[in-house]
Amino acid sequence: MTPTAASFAHHAALAALGRSLQAAGYRFVTVTPATHRRVNGRPENAWADDLRGVFGWSRPFRPGVLPDALDGPLRAAGLAAPVDADGNDVADGQPPAGWRSLVRASTIGDHLYFHSAWPTCDADAVFFGPDTYRYTAALKRVLGAHGSLRRPVRRAVDIGAGAGPGAIELALRCRDATVYATDINPAALALADVNASLNGAHNVVPCRSDLLDGVDGGFDLVTSNPPYILDPDQLTYRHGGGAHGAGLSIRIVHAALDRLHPGGCLLLYTGVAIVDGADPFLDAIRGRLDGGTDCWSYEELDPDIFGGQLGCEGYERVERIAAVWLHAVKRG
């Protein structure tokens, strides 16, 4: 059973759940799916016995584990699924042995973000993971560095915002800006709306858009953390398309430079499949960067991520996947 946009539409109940978690001092750092699977596979972790087990590790929980202040809003939001004694979903009419949350909560510093429960294997899953932490950390470094942005940020957009952490962290540092959190996934937009409210980012505007076709006008800042994996199931939150998953990232570079105001910035975090020591993504965008920007910088934030992906079809010649950060200033 997977939550849909309709499930997340109970904004007030989900926001109440988030406020209760914040009041309880809840903290959870989301790990990779492989690590999550290993930790949850330990016998002592079959059932949750605390808030982190329920809302972080996505473990089933028995009656009495959640206090009323959390159990009530979770059920009111339609995000508690019944499970049997083995922790599996029960058929309609069968008495449950416990429940599992259909939503997960992670934290970045003092900020709390709802996203899809583990495992994220459905078409409309809203992903949050280690890439999210690297992405928001890179954003904070640029936004906190004096003079890193050429022009004041009055209008910004985070492409493929997912649960909204990039847009929200940006909006909290640029209070005078309107920050559009765009995505093609309605469930992501619903969660981004709740998360923006929870974290006091009232200048975030969730907007359904494929790249930038759902938002008019120009921007002072474009940010993005797009999917970059070749996924045989073509799940929206994972599949980057094109050569080795770089297709969407390449499209974002071109779309951003088309819509940025002169002096506006593109900040892009993505993953790149390195083939025989070469970076095909950078090769594909270098001409546009050289011809359409005043300056640009490009660095590897992590040289080796998602190593398990190299055993998958389409990665036969790939020697590593690197996390990279692009900062480009449009000419003018």
Protein backbone atom coordinates (compact mmCIF):
# COMPACT_ATOMS: atom_id res chain seq x y z
CA MET A 1 0.00 0.00 0.00
CA THR A 2 1.44 3.33 -1.06
CA PRO A 3 0.30 6.85 -0.13
CA THR A 4 -0.94 9.00 -2.98
CA ALA A 5 -1.33 12.73 -3.40
CA ALA A 6 -4.83 12.32 -1.95
CA SER A 7 -3.34 10.74 1.19
CA PHE A 8 -1.06 13.71 1.67
CA ALA A 9 -3.91 16.14 1.06
CA HIS A 10 -4.82 15.96 4.76
CA HIS A 11 -2.48 18.89 5.25
CA ALA A 12 -3.63 19.83 8.75
CA ALA A 13 -3.30 16.30 10.16
CA LEU A 14 0.14 15.75 8.65
CA ALA A 15 1.29 19.19 9.81
CA ALA A 16 0.05 18.37 13.32
CA LEU A 17 2.04 15.13 13.23
CA GLY A 18 5.13 17.06 12.16
CA ARG A 19 4.73 19.62 14.94
CA SER A 20 4.41 16.83 17.51
CA LEU A 21 7.57 15.19 16.20
CA GLN A 22 9.39 18.52 16.37
CA ALA A 23 8.16 19.09 19.94
CA ALA A 24 9.43 15.62 20.90
CA GLY A 25 12.93 16.52 19.64
CA TYR A 26 12.77 13.95 16.85
CA ARG A 27 15.94 13.52 14.77
CA PHE A 28 16.67 11.05 11.97
CA VAL A 29 19.31 10.98 9.23
CA THR A 30 18.19 8.94 6.22
CA VAL A 31 20.74 6.45 4.90
CA THR A 32 21.11 4.68 1.56
CA PRO A 33 18.55 1.98 0.71
CA ALA A 34 21.26 -0.68 1.03
CA THR A 35 22.19 0.44 4.55
CA HIS A 36 18.52 0.75 5.48
CA ARG A 37 17.91 -2.83 4.34
CA ARG A 38 20.87 -4.17 6.33
CA VAL A 39 19.93 -2.39 9.54
CA ASN A 40 16.27 -3.35 9.34
CA GLY A 41 17.27 -6.94 8.56
CA ARG A 42 18.71 -7.44 12.06
CA PRO A 43 16.33 -9.63 14.12
CA GLU A 44 16.01 -7.10 16.92
CA ASN A 45 14.76 -4.49 14.43
CA ALA A 46 11.75 -6.42 13.14
CA TRP A 47 9.37 -4.08 15.02
CA ALA A 48 9.68 -0.45 16.03
CA ASP A 49 9.81 0.47 19.70
CA ASP A 50 10.34 4.23 19.41
CA LEU A 51 9.65 7.22 17.15
CA ARG A 52 12.80 6.72 15.07
CA GLY A 53 11.82 3.14 14.41
CA VAL A 54 8.33 4.14 13.25
CA PHE A 55 9.04 7.32 11.29
CA GLY A 56 12.71 6.93 10.36
CA TRP A 57 13.34 3.24 9.83
CA SER A 58 9.78 2.56 8.56
CA ARG A 59 9.36 -0.47 10.82
CA PRO A 60 5.93 -1.85 11.74
CA PHE A 61 4.76 -0.93 15.22
CA ARG A 62 2.38 -2.45 17.73
CA PRO A 63 -0.44 -0.63 19.57
CA GLY A 64 0.86 1.58 22.36
CA VAL A 65 4.21 2.47 20.77
CA LEU A 66 2.99 5.89 19.58
CA PRO A 67 1.59 8.46 22.01
CA ASP A 68 -1.88 9.80 21.20
CA ALA A 69 -0.42 13.12 19.99
CA LEU A 70 1.27 11.22 17.14
CA ASP A 71 -1.02 8.25 16.61
CA GLY A 72 -4.13 10.43 16.14
CA PRO A 73 -2.73 12.72 13.39
CA LEU A 74 -1.13 9.74 11.60
CA ARG A 75 -4.48 7.99 11.35
CA ALA A 76 -6.35 11.21 10.57
CA ALA A 77 -4.02 11.73 7.61
CA GLY A 78 -4.79 8.20 6.36
CA LEU A 79 -1.13 7.24 6.65
CA ALA A 80 -1.28 4.21 8.99
CA ALA A 81 -1.52 0.83 7.23
CA PRO A 82 -2.52 -2.34 9.14
CA VAL A 83 -0.03 -5.24 9.21
CA ASP A 84 -0.09 -8.86 10.33
CA ALA A 85 2.13 -10.57 12.91
CA ASP A 86 4.96 -10.76 10.36
CA GLY A 87 4.74 -7.05 9.59
CA ASN A 88 3.11 -7.56 6.18
CA ASP A 89 0.05 -5.73 4.88
CA VAL A 90 -3.21 -7.40 5.86
CA ALA A 91 -6.19 -7.99 3.62
CA ASP A 92 -9.37 -6.01 4.22
CA GLY A 93 -11.34 -7.40 7.14
CA GLN A 94 -8.47 -9.23 8.83
CA PRO A 95 -7.59 -8.09 12.37
CA PRO A 96 -4.21 -6.32 12.38
CA ALA A 97 -1.35 -7.17 14.71
CA GLY A 98 0.08 -3.68 14.27
CA TRP A 99 0.55 -0.79 11.88
CA ARG A 100 3.15 0.86 9.73
CA SER A 101 3.52 4.49 8.77
CA LEU A 102 3.18 5.28 5.09
CA VAL A 103 5.28 8.39 5.57
CA ARG A 104 8.86 8.84 6.77
CA ALA A 105 10.39 11.86 8.50
CA SER A 106 14.00 12.96 8.22
CA THR A 107 15.85 15.96 9.59
CA ILE A 108 18.44 18.36 8.26
CA GLY A 109 19.66 20.32 11.26
CA ASP A 110 16.53 21.63 12.99
CA HIS A 111 14.32 21.19 9.93
CA LEU A 112 11.97 18.23 9.55
CA TYR A 113 10.92 16.78 6.19
CA PHE A 114 8.23 14.21 5.43
CA HIS A 115 8.83 11.88 2.48
CA SER A 116 7.80 8.40 1.35
CA ALA A 117 8.25 5.40 3.62
CA TRP A 118 10.93 2.82 2.88
CA PRO A 119 11.21 1.03 0.52
CA THR A 120 10.62 3.61 -2.18
CA CYS A 121 9.67 1.27 -4.99
CA ASP A 122 6.51 2.90 -6.38
CA ALA A 123 6.09 5.19 -9.36
CA ASP A 124 5.04 8.20 -7.27
CA ALA A 125 7.52 7.68 -4.42
CA VAL A 126 8.99 10.87 -2.95
CA PHE A 127 12.67 10.19 -2.35
CA PHE A 128 14.99 11.65 0.28
CA GLY A 129 18.48 10.31 1.01
CA PRO A 130 22.21 11.01 1.26
CA ASP A 131 22.10 13.00 -1.99
CA THR A 132 19.65 15.35 -0.28
CA TYR A 133 22.17 16.11 2.45
CA ARG A 134 25.00 16.73 -0.02
CA TYR A 135 22.74 18.92 -2.14
CA THR A 136 21.47 21.13 0.68
CA ALA A 137 24.97 21.41 2.17
CA ALA A 138 26.30 22.66 -1.17
CA LEU A 139 23.43 25.14 -1.45
CA LYS A 140 24.13 26.49 2.02
CA ARG A 141 27.80 27.00 1.22
CA VAL A 142 26.97 29.10 -1.85
CA LEU A 143 24.19 31.07 -0.18
CA GLY A 144 26.32 31.72 2.88
CA ALA A 145 29.38 32.87 0.93
CA HIS A 146 29.58 36.65 0.53
CA GLY A 147 29.35 37.66 -3.11
CA SER A 148 28.73 34.15 -4.48
CA LEU A 149 25.53 35.32 -6.18
CA ARG A 150 25.84 38.19 -8.68
CA ARG A 151 22.29 39.53 -8.30
CA PRO A 152 19.72 39.65 -5.49
CA VAL A 153 17.41 36.64 -5.43
CA ARG A 154 13.84 37.80 -5.91
CA ARG A 155 12.57 34.87 -7.99
CA ALA A 156 14.00 31.35 -7.77
CA VAL A 157 13.01 27.83 -8.74
CA ASP A 158 14.06 24.37 -7.57
CA ILE A 159 13.49 21.93 -10.46
CA GLY A 160 12.37 18.47 -9.38
CA ALA A 161 11.93 19.62 -5.80
CA GLY A 162 10.58 16.34 -4.43
CA ALA A 163 9.73 16.77 -0.75
CA GLY A 164 11.07 20.33 -0.99
CA PRO A 165 14.29 20.39 1.08
CA GLY A 166 16.28 22.36 -1.52
CA ALA A 167 13.52 24.90 -2.11
CA ILE A 168 12.88 25.26 1.62
CA GLU A 169 16.51 25.66 2.65
CA LEU A 170 16.83 28.27 -0.11
CA ALA A 171 13.64 30.09 0.89
CA LEU A 172 14.72 30.30 4.53
CA ARG A 173 17.91 32.07 3.46
CA CYS A 174 16.27 34.32 0.87
CA ARG A 175 13.19 35.53 2.73
CA ASP A 176 12.36 38.19 0.17
CA ALA A 177 12.35 35.74 -2.72
CA THR A 178 9.48 33.76 -4.20
CA VAL A 179 10.80 30.20 -4.49
CA TYR A 180 8.95 27.83 -6.80
CA ALA A 181 9.20 24.15 -5.83
CA THR A 182 8.43 22.39 -9.11
CA ASP A 183 7.83 18.70 -9.73
CA ILE A 184 5.77 16.44 -12.00
CA ASN A 185 4.71 14.26 -9.04
CA PRO A 186 1.53 15.48 -7.25
CA ALA A 187 2.48 13.52 -4.11
CA ALA A 188 5.81 15.37 -3.99
CA LEU A 189 4.10 18.75 -4.31
CA ALA A 190 1.65 17.91 -1.51
CA LEU A 191 4.51 16.94 0.79
CA ALA A 192 6.58 19.97 -0.20
CA ASP A 193 3.62 22.15 0.79
CA VAL A 194 3.37 20.53 4.24
CA ASN A 195 7.14 20.63 4.75
CA ALA A 196 7.34 24.31 3.81
CA SER A 197 4.64 25.11 6.35
CA LEU A 198 6.32 23.02 9.06
CA ASN A 199 9.64 24.79 8.58
CA GLY A 200 8.28 28.32 8.29
CA ALA A 201 9.20 28.73 4.62
CA HIS A 202 6.08 30.66 3.66
CA ASN A 203 7.68 31.99 0.47
CA VAL A 204 7.75 28.51 -1.16
CA VAL A 205 5.22 27.97 -3.95
CA PRO A 206 4.73 24.30 -4.96
CA CYS A 207 4.02 24.12 -8.69
CA ARG A 208 3.43 21.22 -11.07
CA SER A 209 5.92 21.56 -13.89
CA ASP A 210 8.03 19.46 -16.24
CA LEU A 211 11.35 21.29 -16.11
CA LEU A 212 10.09 24.90 -16.35
CA ASP A 213 7.06 24.59 -18.60
CA GLY A 214 4.65 25.19 -15.71
CA VAL A 215 6.19 28.49 -14.58
CA ASP A 216 6.36 31.69 -16.61
CA GLY A 217 9.04 34.36 -16.63
CA GLY A 218 12.70 34.56 -15.76
CA PHE A 219 14.67 33.70 -12.63
CA ASP A 220 17.53 35.03 -10.58
CA LEU A 221 18.44 31.55 -9.36
CA VAL A 222 17.74 28.02 -10.61
CA THR A 223 18.63 25.05 -8.43
CA SER A 224 18.16 21.33 -8.96
CA ASN A 225 19.02 17.86 -7.67
CA PRO A 226 17.63 15.68 -10.47
CA PRO A 227 17.56 11.87 -10.78
CA TYR A 228 20.60 10.56 -12.62
CA ILE A 229 20.37 6.75 -12.61
CA LEU A 230 19.47 4.50 -15.52
CA ASP A 231 16.47 2.75 -13.99
CA PRO A 232 14.90 -0.17 -15.93
CA ASP A 233 11.55 0.60 -14.26
CA GLN A 234 11.94 4.29 -15.15
CA LEU A 235 10.73 5.42 -11.73
CA THR A 236 10.38 9.20 -11.77
CA TYR A 237 12.57 9.84 -8.73
CA ARG A 238 15.42 7.64 -10.04
CA HIS A 239 15.50 7.64 -13.83
CA GLY A 240 17.65 10.29 -15.49
CA GLY A 241 17.43 8.92 -19.02
CA GLY A 242 19.83 9.55 -21.87
CA ALA A 243 23.39 8.29 -21.82
CA HIS A 244 24.11 6.67 -18.45
CA GLY A 245 21.32 8.66 -16.75
CA ALA A 246 22.60 12.15 -17.67
CA GLY A 247 19.75 13.08 -20.01
CA LEU A 248 17.62 15.00 -17.52
CA SER A 249 20.59 16.86 -16.04
CA ILE A 250 21.63 18.02 -19.52
CA ARG A 251 18.09 19.25 -20.24
CA ILE A 252 18.05 21.18 -16.96
CA VAL A 253 21.27 23.01 -17.82
CA HIS A 254 19.81 24.19 -21.13
CA ALA A 255 16.38 25.06 -19.67
CA ALA A 256 17.95 27.02 -16.81
CA LEU A 257 20.27 29.06 -19.02
CA ASP A 258 17.33 29.85 -21.31
CA ARG A 259 15.30 31.30 -18.42
CA LEU A 260 17.86 32.88 -16.11
CA HIS A 261 18.16 36.66 -15.99
CA PRO A 262 21.58 38.02 -17.00
CA GLY A 263 23.85 37.48 -14.02
CA GLY A 264 21.52 34.84 -12.62
CA CYS A 265 22.93 31.57 -11.26
CA LEU A 266 22.39 27.89 -11.90
CA LEU A 267 23.27 25.59 -8.98
CA LEU A 268 23.05 21.92 -9.97
CA TYR A 269 23.86 18.80 -7.96
CA THR A 270 23.84 15.56 -9.91
CA GLY A 271 25.55 12.21 -10.36
CA VAL A 272 27.80 11.50 -13.32
CA ALA A 273 28.84 8.15 -14.77
CA ILE A 274 32.58 8.32 -15.43
CA VAL A 275 33.55 6.26 -18.50
CA ASP A 276 37.21 5.43 -19.15
CA GLY A 277 38.23 8.42 -17.04
CA ALA A 278 36.03 10.86 -19.00
CA ASP A 279 32.99 12.82 -17.85
CA PRO A 280 30.33 12.59 -20.60
CA PHE A 281 27.97 14.97 -18.80
CA LEU A 282 30.52 17.76 -18.65
CA ASP A 283 31.49 17.11 -22.27
CA ALA A 284 27.83 17.48 -23.28
CA ILE A 285 27.32 20.85 -21.54
CA ARG A 286 30.73 22.48 -21.81
CA GLY A 287 29.95 24.26 -25.09
CA ARG A 288 26.76 25.80 -23.69
CA LEU A 289 28.54 26.86 -20.51
CA ASP A 290 31.43 28.43 -22.41
CA GLY A 291 29.10 30.23 -24.80
CA GLY A 292 26.32 31.29 -22.46
CA THR A 293 27.92 32.14 -19.10
CA ASP A 294 30.30 34.71 -17.69
CA CYS A 295 31.86 32.06 -15.48
CA TRP A 296 31.24 28.56 -14.27
CA SER A 297 32.80 26.08 -11.84
CA TYR A 298 32.44 22.33 -11.62
CA GLU A 299 33.68 20.02 -8.88
CA GLU A 300 33.34 16.48 -7.66
CA LEU A 301 31.81 16.44 -4.18
CA ASP A 302 32.18 12.67 -3.85
CA PRO A 303 34.15 10.55 -6.34
CA ASP A 304 32.34 7.26 -5.78
CA ILE A 305 28.62 6.92 -4.99
CA PHE A 306 26.08 4.16 -5.73
CA GLY A 307 28.82 1.63 -6.51
CA GLY A 308 26.24 -1.16 -6.63
CA GLN A 309 24.76 0.44 -9.73
CA LEU A 310 27.82 -0.58 -11.76
CA GLY A 311 26.55 -4.16 -11.90
CA CYS A 312 23.36 -3.08 -13.68
CA GLU A 313 22.59 -3.08 -17.37
CA GLY A 314 23.87 0.01 -19.17
CA TYR A 315 26.84 0.48 -16.83
CA GLU A 316 29.19 -2.05 -18.40
CA ARG A 317 31.84 0.59 -19.26
CA VAL A 318 31.28 2.86 -16.27
CA GLU A 319 34.11 2.84 -13.74
CA ARG A 320 32.47 5.01 -11.07
CA ILE A 321 29.59 7.39 -10.42
CA ALA A 322 30.63 10.77 -9.03
CA ALA A 323 28.51 13.37 -7.22
CA VAL A 324 29.20 16.72 -8.91
CA TRP A 325 28.31 20.36 -8.30
CA LEU A 326 27.88 22.94 -11.06
CA HIS A 327 27.76 26.68 -10.38
CA ALA A 328 27.18 28.75 -13.52
CA VAL A 329 26.48 32.50 -13.95
CA LYS A 330 24.54 33.47 -17.05
CA ARG A 331 26.26 35.94 -19.36
CA GLY A 332 25.28 39.55 -18.96
